[in-house]
Amino acid sequence: MQFTPTQMKIQPTPTQAQPQQIHASRLIIASNRGPVEYNLSQDKTLKHRRGAGGMVTALIDAGNRMEVTWVATAMTEGDRIALKEAQQNNGGLLSSPLRGQKMQLRYVAISKSAYRKHYEGFSNQVLWFLQHYLYNPTDDSALTRKIQDAWTNGYCVANQAIADAVNAEIEREDSSAVVMLHDYHLYLAPEMIRKSNPSVIIQQFIHIPWPDIRCWHFLPSNITHAIYSGLVGNDIIGFQTERDARNFLEGARTLLDGAVVDFEEGAIWWQGHRTQVRAYP
């Protein structure tokens, strides 16, 4: 994966003669897990440690080159306490306490019930298995209701909360910003962000496989359509392989009524917006 947010080349739409260079002075990263995790020690003091995952390592240097704010969900009780203190003292923003991390943190708190449904109930139990070709479809009506509940009262809630925080960060300053979203927890956020900030550049990288359209038919149609319409709110979507990218293009052609899909260019036009689909092995 290699995105260059400070100078991105956007391919021409049918009404553009030449590619345009987009310059931005700020980068807003959004993911489920943040780069810093806060926890309460036995003596009730707030401790911090670096967040898990390779994405933190990959993006840690970005703050040395431009202004960076990282938006993520508050996953621990310590995260929630740190967020509350930041809301009282600094408009909800935290400066990363870790050496070498020159960035601001904006954590988002949703109810514990909504987060469980978002993270465990839908993201991990449904999307992760489906996208790894391990999902077992069922006609069990009770399980279908459980999936719809996890979607409506978990996944949608978390995505809206993250999108609201990203929009607040976009609007906090007049300078231009690029939004970089990550992974399968935030498929709805691009469309939500674009509704409030239609001109902002949004890009997203999917860190797991993207299966062919047959797998997506295992889910209720309202969910599958919302996932695709959410993702084409991006200007650029990055996948791990060419096969993943092609699978997404095939799905968009099938599921998005009126979409124009150019497989050679890797582009989707839908409802007046162009989305570039790329592979970043």
C-alpha atoms as a PDB file:
ATOM      1  CA  MET A   1       0.000   0.000   0.000  1.00  0.00           C
ATOM      2  CA  GLN A   2       1.348   3.414  -0.928  1.00  0.00           C
ATOM      3  CA  PHE A   3      -0.797   6.531  -0.900  1.00  0.00           C
ATOM      4  CA  THR A   4       0.741   9.984  -1.269  1.00  0.00           C
ATOM      5  CA  PRO A   5      -1.829  12.379   0.193  1.00  0.00           C
ATOM      6  CA  THR A   6       0.204  15.532  -0.240  1.00  0.00           C
ATOM      7  CA  GLN A   7       0.172  15.248  -4.020  1.00  0.00           C
ATOM      8  CA  MET A   8      -2.301  12.825  -5.513  1.00  0.00           C
ATOM      9  CA  LYS A   9      -2.952  12.431  -9.209  1.00  0.00           C
ATOM     10  CA  ILE A  10      -6.646  12.090  -9.909  1.00  0.00           C
ATOM     11  CA  GLN A  11      -7.484  10.563 -13.288  1.00  0.00           C
ATOM     12  CA  PRO A  12      -9.696  12.642 -15.598  1.00  0.00           C
ATOM     13  CA  THR A  13     -13.467  12.274 -15.608  1.00  0.00           C
ATOM     14  CA  PRO A  14     -15.283  12.430 -18.935  1.00  0.00           C
ATOM     15  CA  THR A  15     -15.475  16.219 -18.567  1.00  0.00           C
ATOM     16  CA  GLN A  16     -11.797  16.686 -17.676  1.00  0.00           C
ATOM     17  CA  ALA A  17      -9.147  16.972 -20.364  1.00  0.00           C
ATOM     18  CA  GLN A  18      -6.151  16.508 -18.079  1.00  0.00           C
ATOM     19  CA  PRO A  19      -5.458  14.882 -14.706  1.00  0.00           C
ATOM     20  CA  GLN A  20      -5.407  17.326 -11.834  1.00  0.00           C
ATOM     21  CA  GLN A  21      -2.917  17.579  -9.006  1.00  0.00           C
ATOM     22  CA  ILE A  22      -4.475  17.797  -5.564  1.00  0.00           C
ATOM     23  CA  HIS A  23      -2.390  19.435  -2.850  1.00  0.00           C
ATOM     24  CA  ALA A  24      -3.349  19.201   0.810  1.00  0.00           C
ATOM     25  CA  SER A  25      -1.732  20.477   3.968  1.00  0.00           C
ATOM     26  CA  ARG A  26      -3.588  18.149   6.343  1.00  0.00           C
ATOM     27  CA  LEU A  27      -4.150  14.419   6.543  1.00  0.00           C
ATOM     28  CA  ILE A  28      -7.084  12.958   8.473  1.00  0.00           C
ATOM     29  CA  ILE A  29      -6.753   9.228   9.124  1.00  0.00           C
ATOM     30  CA  ALA A  30      -9.729   7.218  10.344  1.00  0.00           C
ATOM     31  CA  SER A  31      -9.768   3.623  11.525  1.00  0.00           C
ATOM     32  CA  ASN A  32     -11.432   1.414  14.090  1.00  0.00           C
ATOM     33  CA  ARG A  33      -8.330   1.219  16.297  1.00  0.00           C
ATOM     34  CA  GLY A  34      -6.249   4.276  17.109  1.00  0.00           C
ATOM     35  CA  PRO A  35      -2.450   4.602  17.286  1.00  0.00           C
ATOM     36  CA  VAL A  36      -2.503   5.023  21.079  1.00  0.00           C
ATOM     37  CA  GLU A  37      -4.337   2.917  23.651  1.00  0.00           C
ATOM     38  CA  TYR A  38      -5.068   4.352  27.093  1.00  0.00           C
ATOM     39  CA  ASN A  39      -5.627   2.170  30.150  1.00  0.00           C
ATOM     40  CA  LEU A  40      -6.156   2.684  33.869  1.00  0.00           C
ATOM     41  CA  SER A  41      -3.403   1.297  36.074  1.00  0.00           C
ATOM     42  CA  GLN A  42      -4.027  -0.275  39.479  1.00  0.00           C
ATOM     43  CA  ASP A  43      -3.515   3.097  41.151  1.00  0.00           C
ATOM     44  CA  LYS A  44      -6.167   4.609  38.799  1.00  0.00           C
ATOM     45  CA  THR A  45      -3.695   6.718  36.854  1.00  0.00           C
ATOM     46  CA  LEU A  46      -4.002   6.898  33.091  1.00  0.00           C
ATOM     47  CA  LYS A  47      -1.306   5.001  31.195  1.00  0.00           C
ATOM     48  CA  HIS A  48      -0.737   4.805  27.465  1.00  0.00           C
ATOM     49  CA  ARG A  49       0.899   2.454  25.011  1.00  0.00           C
ATOM     50  CA  ARG A  50       1.295   2.234  21.284  1.00  0.00           C
ATOM     51  CA  GLY A  51      -1.676   0.731  19.468  1.00  0.00           C
ATOM     52  CA  ALA A  52      -1.328  -2.715  17.950  1.00  0.00           C
ATOM     53  CA  GLY A  53      -1.100  -3.397  14.242  1.00  0.00           C
ATOM     54  CA  GLY A  54       1.165  -2.715  11.301  1.00  0.00           C
ATOM     55  CA  MET A  55      -0.893   0.237  10.106  1.00  0.00           C
ATOM     56  CA  VAL A  56       0.380   2.367  12.996  1.00  0.00           C
ATOM     57  CA  THR A  57       3.965   1.566  12.003  1.00  0.00           C
ATOM     58  CA  ALA A  58       3.286   2.320   8.342  1.00  0.00           C
ATOM     59  CA  LEU A  59       1.748   5.727   9.021  1.00  0.00           C
ATOM     60  CA  ILE A  60       3.784   6.900  12.000  1.00  0.00           C
ATOM     61  CA  ASP A  61       6.090   9.026   9.853  1.00  0.00           C
ATOM     62  CA  ALA A  62       3.246  10.961   8.222  1.00  0.00           C
ATOM     63  CA  GLY A  63       3.119  13.383  11.146  1.00  0.00           C
ATOM     64  CA  ASN A  64       6.701  14.427  10.448  1.00  0.00           C
ATOM     65  CA  ARG A  65       5.730  15.660   6.982  1.00  0.00           C
ATOM     66  CA  MET A  66       2.331  17.284   7.448  1.00  0.00           C
ATOM     67  CA  GLU A  67      -0.396  17.991   9.991  1.00  0.00           C
ATOM     68  CA  VAL A  68      -2.120  14.719  10.912  1.00  0.00           C
ATOM     69  CA  THR A  69      -5.223  13.955  12.937  1.00  0.00           C
ATOM     70  CA  TRP A  70      -6.152  10.330  13.608  1.00  0.00           C
ATOM     71  CA  VAL A  71      -9.837   9.587  14.254  1.00  0.00           C
ATOM     72  CA  ALA A  72     -10.694   6.263  15.905  1.00  0.00           C
ATOM     73  CA  THR A  73     -13.168   4.661  18.266  1.00  0.00           C
ATOM     74  CA  ALA A  74     -12.565   4.759  22.007  1.00  0.00           C
ATOM     75  CA  MET A  75     -12.064   1.043  22.673  1.00  0.00           C
ATOM     76  CA  THR A  76     -11.042   0.994  26.342  1.00  0.00           C
ATOM     77  CA  GLU A  77     -12.234   2.684  29.493  1.00  0.00           C
ATOM     78  CA  GLY A  78      -8.939   4.553  29.489  1.00  0.00           C
ATOM     79  CA  ASP A  79      -9.659   5.818  25.962  1.00  0.00           C
ATOM     80  CA  ARG A  80     -13.006   7.147  27.189  1.00  0.00           C
ATOM     81  CA  ILE A  81     -11.414   8.914  30.149  1.00  0.00           C
ATOM     82  CA  ALA A  82      -8.729  10.455  27.930  1.00  0.00           C
ATOM     83  CA  LEU A  83     -11.455  11.587  25.516  1.00  0.00           C
ATOM     84  CA  LYS A  84     -13.478  13.171  28.319  1.00  0.00           C
ATOM     85  CA  GLU A  85     -10.433  15.099  29.537  1.00  0.00           C
ATOM     86  CA  ALA A  86      -9.706  16.255  25.975  1.00  0.00           C
ATOM     87  CA  GLN A  87     -13.287  17.434  25.530  1.00  0.00           C
ATOM     88  CA  GLN A  88     -12.972  19.522  28.682  1.00  0.00           C
ATOM     89  CA  ASN A  89      -9.578  21.011  27.855  1.00  0.00           C
ATOM     90  CA  ASN A  90      -8.877  20.949  24.123  1.00  0.00           C
ATOM     91  CA  GLY A  91     -12.033  20.613  22.071  1.00  0.00           C
ATOM     92  CA  GLY A  92     -11.802  16.824  22.014  1.00  0.00           C
ATOM     93  CA  LEU A  93      -8.277  16.658  20.574  1.00  0.00           C
ATOM     94  CA  LEU A  94      -5.387  14.790  22.187  1.00  0.00           C
ATOM     95  CA  SER A  95      -1.731  15.187  21.298  1.00  0.00           C
ATOM     96  CA  SER A  96      -0.148  11.779  20.872  1.00  0.00           C
ATOM     97  CA  PRO A  97       1.978  11.066  23.972  1.00  0.00           C
ATOM     98  CA  LEU A  98       4.230   8.618  22.139  1.00  0.00           C
ATOM     99  CA  ARG A  99       7.730   9.556  21.047  1.00  0.00           C
ATOM    100  CA  GLY A 100       7.933   9.991  17.303  1.00  0.00           C
ATOM    101  CA  GLN A 101       4.173  10.362  16.831  1.00  0.00           C
ATOM    102  CA  LYS A 102       3.601  13.979  15.815  1.00  0.00           C
ATOM    103  CA  MET A 103      -0.145  13.853  15.440  1.00  0.00           C
ATOM    104  CA  GLN A 104      -3.431  14.789  17.054  1.00  0.00           C
ATOM    105  CA  LEU A 105      -5.904  12.133  18.171  1.00  0.00           C
ATOM    106  CA  ARG A 106      -9.683  12.477  18.035  1.00  0.00           C
ATOM    107  CA  TYR A 107     -11.356   9.524  19.707  1.00  0.00           C
ATOM    108  CA  VAL A 108     -15.056   8.772  19.259  1.00  0.00           C
ATOM    109  CA  ALA A 109     -17.195   7.226  21.984  1.00  0.00           C
ATOM    110  CA  ILE A 110     -20.269   5.156  21.199  1.00  0.00           C
ATOM    111  CA  SER A 111     -22.214   2.966  23.615  1.00  0.00           C
ATOM    112  CA  LYS A 112     -20.594  -0.319  24.590  1.00  0.00           C
ATOM    113  CA  SER A 113     -23.592  -2.189  23.181  1.00  0.00           C
ATOM    114  CA  ALA A 114     -23.330  -0.430  19.813  1.00  0.00           C
ATOM    115  CA  TYR A 115     -19.584  -1.040  19.677  1.00  0.00           C
ATOM    116  CA  ARG A 116     -19.969  -4.775  20.384  1.00  0.00           C
ATOM    117  CA  LYS A 117     -22.542  -5.064  17.618  1.00  0.00           C
ATOM    118  CA  HIS A 118     -20.338  -3.085  15.252  1.00  0.00           C
ATOM    119  CA  TYR A 119     -17.025  -4.791  15.987  1.00  0.00           C
ATOM    120  CA  GLU A 120     -17.896  -8.316  17.095  1.00  0.00           C
ATOM    121  CA  GLY A 121     -21.404  -8.755  15.737  1.00  0.00           C
ATOM    122  CA  PHE A 122     -20.942  -7.437  12.211  1.00  0.00           C
ATOM    123  CA  SER A 123     -17.358  -6.493  11.305  1.00  0.00           C
ATOM    124  CA  ASN A 124     -15.717  -9.650  12.620  1.00  0.00           C
ATOM    125  CA  GLN A 125     -18.457 -12.287  12.564  1.00  0.00           C
ATOM    126  CA  VAL A 126     -19.933 -11.294   9.196  1.00  0.00           C
ATOM    127  CA  LEU A 127     -17.584  -9.203   7.048  1.00  0.00           C
ATOM    128  CA  TRP A 128     -14.295 -10.848   7.999  1.00  0.00           C
ATOM    129  CA  PHE A 129     -15.606 -14.360   7.356  1.00  0.00           C
ATOM    130  CA  LEU A 130     -17.477 -13.401   4.187  1.00  0.00           C
ATOM    131  CA  GLN A 131     -14.483 -11.621   2.697  1.00  0.00           C
ATOM    132  CA  HIS A 132     -12.241 -14.599   3.410  1.00  0.00           C
ATOM    133  CA  TYR A 133     -14.724 -16.970   1.698  1.00  0.00           C
ATOM    134  CA  LEU A 134     -15.522 -18.591   5.060  1.00  0.00           C
ATOM    135  CA  TYR A 135     -19.080 -17.360   5.574  1.00  0.00           C
ATOM    136  CA  ASN A 136     -21.832 -19.971   5.843  1.00  0.00           C
ATOM    137  CA  PRO A 137     -25.141 -18.572   4.532  1.00  0.00           C
ATOM    138  CA  THR A 138     -28.272 -19.511   6.430  1.00  0.00           C
ATOM    139  CA  ASP A 139     -32.033 -19.339   6.114  1.00  0.00           C
ATOM    140  CA  ASP A 140     -32.384 -19.072   9.891  1.00  0.00           C
ATOM    141  CA  SER A 141     -34.700 -16.094  10.413  1.00  0.00           C
ATOM    142  CA  ALA A 142     -33.445 -15.515  13.954  1.00  0.00           C
ATOM    143  CA  LEU A 143     -29.849 -15.254  12.730  1.00  0.00           C
ATOM    144  CA  THR A 144     -30.924 -12.925   9.924  1.00  0.00           C
ATOM    145  CA  ARG A 145     -32.605 -10.658  12.473  1.00  0.00           C
ATOM    146  CA  LYS A 146     -29.429 -10.720  14.569  1.00  0.00           C
ATOM    147  CA  ILE A 147     -27.355  -9.665  11.555  1.00  0.00           C
ATOM    148  CA  GLN A 148     -29.773  -6.850  10.737  1.00  0.00           C
ATOM    149  CA  ASP A 149     -29.654  -5.689  14.359  1.00  0.00           C
ATOM    150  CA  ALA A 150     -25.844  -5.709  14.408  1.00  0.00           C
ATOM    151  CA  TRP A 151     -25.897  -3.764  11.144  1.00  0.00           C
ATOM    152  CA  THR A 152     -28.482  -1.146  12.110  1.00  0.00           C
ATOM    153  CA  ASN A 153     -27.625  -0.683  15.775  1.00  0.00           C
ATOM    154  CA  GLY A 154     -23.891  -1.299  15.560  1.00  0.00           C
ATOM    155  CA  TYR A 155     -22.173  -0.930  12.202  1.00  0.00           C
ATOM    156  CA  CYS A 156     -24.261   2.017  10.987  1.00  0.00           C
ATOM    157  CA  VAL A 157     -24.003   3.773  14.352  1.00  0.00           C
ATOM    158  CA  ALA A 158     -20.207   3.442  14.517  1.00  0.00           C
ATOM    159  CA  ASN A 159     -19.721   4.569  10.922  1.00  0.00           C
ATOM    160  CA  GLN A 160     -21.889   7.636  11.453  1.00  0.00           C
ATOM    161  CA  ALA A 161     -19.987   8.531  14.629  1.00  0.00           C
ATOM    162  CA  ILE A 162     -16.629   8.263  12.841  1.00  0.00           C
ATOM    163  CA  ALA A 163     -17.943  10.217   9.844  1.00  0.00           C
ATOM    164  CA  ASP A 164     -19.249  12.980  12.116  1.00  0.00           C
ATOM    165  CA  ALA A 165     -15.848  13.242  13.809  1.00  0.00           C
ATOM    166  CA  VAL A 166     -14.039  13.350  10.462  1.00  0.00           C
ATOM    167  CA  ASN A 167     -16.400  16.056   9.216  1.00  0.00           C
ATOM    168  CA  ALA A 168     -15.787  18.078  12.371  1.00  0.00           C
ATOM    169  CA  GLU A 169     -12.051  17.776  11.791  1.00  0.00           C
ATOM    170  CA  ILE A 170     -12.354  18.780   8.121  1.00  0.00           C
ATOM    171  CA  GLU A 171     -14.295  21.887   9.118  1.00  0.00           C
ATOM    172  CA  ARG A 172     -12.026  22.787  12.052  1.00  0.00           C
ATOM    173  CA  GLU A 173      -9.606  24.614   9.736  1.00  0.00           C
ATOM    174  CA  ASP A 174      -9.891  26.350   6.379  1.00  0.00           C
ATOM    175  CA  SER A 175      -6.865  24.564   4.901  1.00  0.00           C
ATOM    176  CA  SER A 176      -7.438  21.650   2.526  1.00  0.00           C
ATOM    177  CA  ALA A 177      -7.433  18.115   3.893  1.00  0.00           C
ATOM    178  CA  VAL A 178      -7.222  14.587   2.542  1.00  0.00           C
ATOM    179  CA  VAL A 179      -9.150  11.849   4.345  1.00  0.00           C
ATOM    180  CA  MET A 180      -7.612   8.370   4.519  1.00  0.00           C
ATOM    181  CA  LEU A 181      -9.942   5.611   5.758  1.00  0.00           C
ATOM    182  CA  HIS A 182      -8.876   2.106   6.632  1.00  0.00           C
ATOM    183  CA  ASP A 183     -10.335  -1.355   6.377  1.00  0.00           C
ATOM    184  CA  TYR A 184     -13.620  -3.176   6.662  1.00  0.00           C
ATOM    185  CA  HIS A 185     -14.971  -1.437   9.749  1.00  0.00           C
ATOM    186  CA  LEU A 186     -15.740   1.783   7.842  1.00  0.00           C
ATOM    187  CA  TYR A 187     -17.466   0.910   4.571  1.00  0.00           C
ATOM    188  CA  LEU A 188     -20.271   3.439   5.086  1.00  0.00           C
ATOM    189  CA  ALA A 189     -18.153   6.375   6.226  1.00  0.00           C
ATOM    190  CA  PRO A 190     -17.038   7.680   2.790  1.00  0.00           C
ATOM    191  CA  GLU A 191     -20.577   8.417   1.612  1.00  0.00           C
ATOM    192  CA  MET A 192     -21.478   9.915   4.996  1.00  0.00           C
ATOM    193  CA  ILE A 193     -18.450  12.217   4.898  1.00  0.00           C
ATOM    194  CA  ARG A 194     -19.067  13.284   1.308  1.00  0.00           C
ATOM    195  CA  LYS A 195     -22.651  14.314   2.022  1.00  0.00           C
ATOM    196  CA  SER A 196     -21.315  17.031   4.349  1.00  0.00           C
ATOM    197  CA  ASN A 197     -18.077  17.785   2.488  1.00  0.00           C
ATOM    198  CA  PRO A 198     -18.655  17.005  -1.200  1.00  0.00           C
ATOM    199  CA  SER A 199     -15.327  18.370  -2.435  1.00  0.00           C
ATOM    200  CA  VAL A 200     -12.970  16.692   0.049  1.00  0.00           C
ATOM    201  CA  ILE A 201     -10.586  14.020  -1.268  1.00  0.00           C
ATOM    202  CA  ILE A 202     -11.344  10.643   0.346  1.00  0.00           C
ATOM    203  CA  GLN A 203      -9.360   7.449  -0.121  1.00  0.00           C
ATOM    204  CA  GLN A 204      -9.642   4.067   1.550  1.00  0.00           C
ATOM    205  CA  PHE A 205      -7.524   0.946   1.700  1.00  0.00           C
ATOM    206  CA  ILE A 206      -9.101  -2.460   2.316  1.00  0.00           C
ATOM    207  CA  HIS A 207      -6.664  -4.721   4.168  1.00  0.00           C
ATOM    208  CA  ILE A 208      -8.530  -8.000   3.556  1.00  0.00           C
ATOM    209  CA  PRO A 209      -9.640  -9.764   0.346  1.00  0.00           C
ATOM    210  CA  TRP A 210     -12.648  -8.579  -1.654  1.00  0.00           C
ATOM    211  CA  PRO A 211     -14.704 -11.608  -2.735  1.00  0.00           C
ATOM    212  CA  ASP A 212     -16.675 -12.000  -5.934  1.00  0.00           C
ATOM    213  CA  ILE A 213     -20.286 -10.912  -6.194  1.00  0.00           C
ATOM    214  CA  ARG A 214     -21.678 -14.365  -5.362  1.00  0.00           C
ATOM    215  CA  CYS A 215     -20.487 -14.011  -1.767  1.00  0.00           C
ATOM    216  CA  TRP A 216     -22.143 -10.631  -1.333  1.00  0.00           C
ATOM    217  CA  HIS A 217     -25.503 -12.136  -2.284  1.00  0.00           C
ATOM    218  CA  PHE A 218     -25.337 -14.097   0.989  1.00  0.00           C
ATOM    219  CA  LEU A 219     -26.147 -10.882   2.862  1.00  0.00           C
ATOM    220  CA  PRO A 220     -29.496  -9.049   2.894  1.00  0.00           C
ATOM    221  CA  SER A 221     -29.734  -6.864  -0.202  1.00  0.00           C
ATOM    222  CA  ASN A 222     -30.101  -3.619   1.766  1.00  0.00           C
ATOM    223  CA  ILE A 223     -26.770  -4.264   3.479  1.00  0.00           C
ATOM    224  CA  THR A 224     -24.877  -5.179   0.326  1.00  0.00           C
ATOM    225  CA  HIS A 225     -26.169  -2.151  -1.576  1.00  0.00           C
ATOM    226  CA  ALA A 226     -25.318   0.183   1.312  1.00  0.00           C
ATOM    227  CA  ILE A 227     -21.761  -1.188   1.475  1.00  0.00           C
ATOM    228  CA  TYR A 228     -21.170  -0.557  -2.221  1.00  0.00           C
ATOM    229  CA  SER A 229     -22.833   2.865  -2.267  1.00  0.00           C
ATOM    230  CA  GLY A 230     -20.833   3.792   0.816  1.00  0.00           C
ATOM    231  CA  LEU A 231     -17.511   2.782  -0.693  1.00  0.00           C
ATOM    232  CA  VAL A 232     -17.997   4.599  -3.996  1.00  0.00           C
ATOM    233  CA  GLY A 233     -18.133   7.768  -1.932  1.00  0.00           C
ATOM    234  CA  ASN A 234     -14.330   7.467  -2.048  1.00  0.00           C
ATOM    235  CA  ASP A 235     -12.215   9.088  -4.737  1.00  0.00           C
ATOM    236  CA  ILE A 236      -9.762   6.178  -4.548  1.00  0.00           C
ATOM    237  CA  ILE A 237     -10.262   2.669  -3.171  1.00  0.00           C
ATOM    238  CA  GLY A 238      -7.159   0.540  -2.728  1.00  0.00           C
ATOM    239  CA  PHE A 239      -7.158  -3.257  -2.644  1.00  0.00           C
ATOM    240  CA  GLN A 240      -4.434  -5.812  -2.034  1.00  0.00           C
ATOM    241  CA  THR A 241      -4.621  -7.513  -5.436  1.00  0.00           C
ATOM    242  CA  GLU A 242      -5.816  -6.968  -8.993  1.00  0.00           C
ATOM    243  CA  ARG A 243      -8.347  -9.737  -8.445  1.00  0.00           C
ATOM    244  CA  ASP A 244      -9.833  -7.907  -5.459  1.00  0.00           C
ATOM    245  CA  ALA A 245     -10.092  -4.710  -7.481  1.00  0.00           C
ATOM    246  CA  ARG A 246     -11.804  -6.486 -10.363  1.00  0.00           C
ATOM    247  CA  ASN A 247     -14.225  -8.210  -7.990  1.00  0.00           C
ATOM    248  CA  PHE A 248     -15.221  -4.818  -6.633  1.00  0.00           C
ATOM    249  CA  LEU A 249     -15.741  -3.421 -10.134  1.00  0.00           C
ATOM    250  CA  GLU A 250     -17.919  -6.418 -11.027  1.00  0.00           C
ATOM    251  CA  GLY A 251     -19.957  -5.917  -7.890  1.00  0.00           C
ATOM    252  CA  ALA A 252     -20.480  -2.229  -8.585  1.00  0.00           C
ATOM    253  CA  ARG A 253     -21.711  -2.990 -12.102  1.00  0.00           C
ATOM    254  CA  THR A 254     -24.178  -5.533 -10.712  1.00  0.00           C
ATOM    255  CA  LEU A 255     -25.420  -3.762  -7.595  1.00  0.00           C
ATOM    256  CA  LEU A 256     -25.379  -0.032  -8.340  1.00  0.00           C
ATOM    257  CA  ASP A 257     -28.190   0.810 -10.713  1.00  0.00           C
ATOM    258  CA  GLY A 258     -26.985   3.216 -13.373  1.00  0.00           C
ATOM    259  CA  ALA A 259     -23.289   2.835 -12.555  1.00  0.00           C
ATOM    260  CA  VAL A 260     -20.841   3.111 -15.453  1.00  0.00           C
ATOM    261  CA  VAL A 261     -17.863   0.810 -14.878  1.00  0.00           C
ATOM    262  CA  ASP A 262     -14.675   1.000 -16.942  1.00  0.00           C
ATOM    263  CA  PHE A 263     -12.653  -2.147 -16.271  1.00  0.00           C
ATOM    264  CA  GLU A 264      -9.675  -0.995 -18.314  1.00  0.00           C
ATOM    265  CA  GLU A 265      -9.351   2.286 -16.404  1.00  0.00           C
ATOM    266  CA  GLY A 266     -10.521   0.789 -13.109  1.00  0.00           C
ATOM    267  CA  ALA A 267     -13.125   3.504 -12.691  1.00  0.00           C
ATOM    268  CA  ILE A 268     -16.738   3.755 -11.550  1.00  0.00           C
ATOM    269  CA  TRP A 269     -19.071   6.647 -12.296  1.00  0.00           C
ATOM    270  CA  TRP A 270     -22.181   6.699 -10.135  1.00  0.00           C
ATOM    271  CA  GLN A 271     -24.539   9.524  -9.264  1.00  0.00           C
ATOM    272  CA  GLY A 272     -22.181  12.151 -10.640  1.00  0.00           C
ATOM    273  CA  HIS A 273     -19.092  10.943  -8.782  1.00  0.00           C
ATOM    274  CA  ARG A 274     -16.028   9.129 -10.068  1.00  0.00           C
ATOM    275  CA  THR A 275     -14.244   6.475  -8.003  1.00  0.00           C
ATOM    276  CA  GLN A 276     -10.844   5.104  -8.979  1.00  0.00           C
ATOM    277  CA  VAL A 277     -10.274   1.454  -8.035  1.00  0.00           C
ATOM    278  CA  ARG A 278      -6.635   0.387  -7.701  1.00  0.00           C
ATOM    279  CA  ALA A 279      -4.490  -2.497  -6.507  1.00  0.00           C
ATOM    280  CA  TYR A 280      -1.594  -1.815  -4.134  1.00  0.00           C
ATOM    281  CA  PRO A 281       0.134  -5.205  -3.706  1.00  0.00           C
END
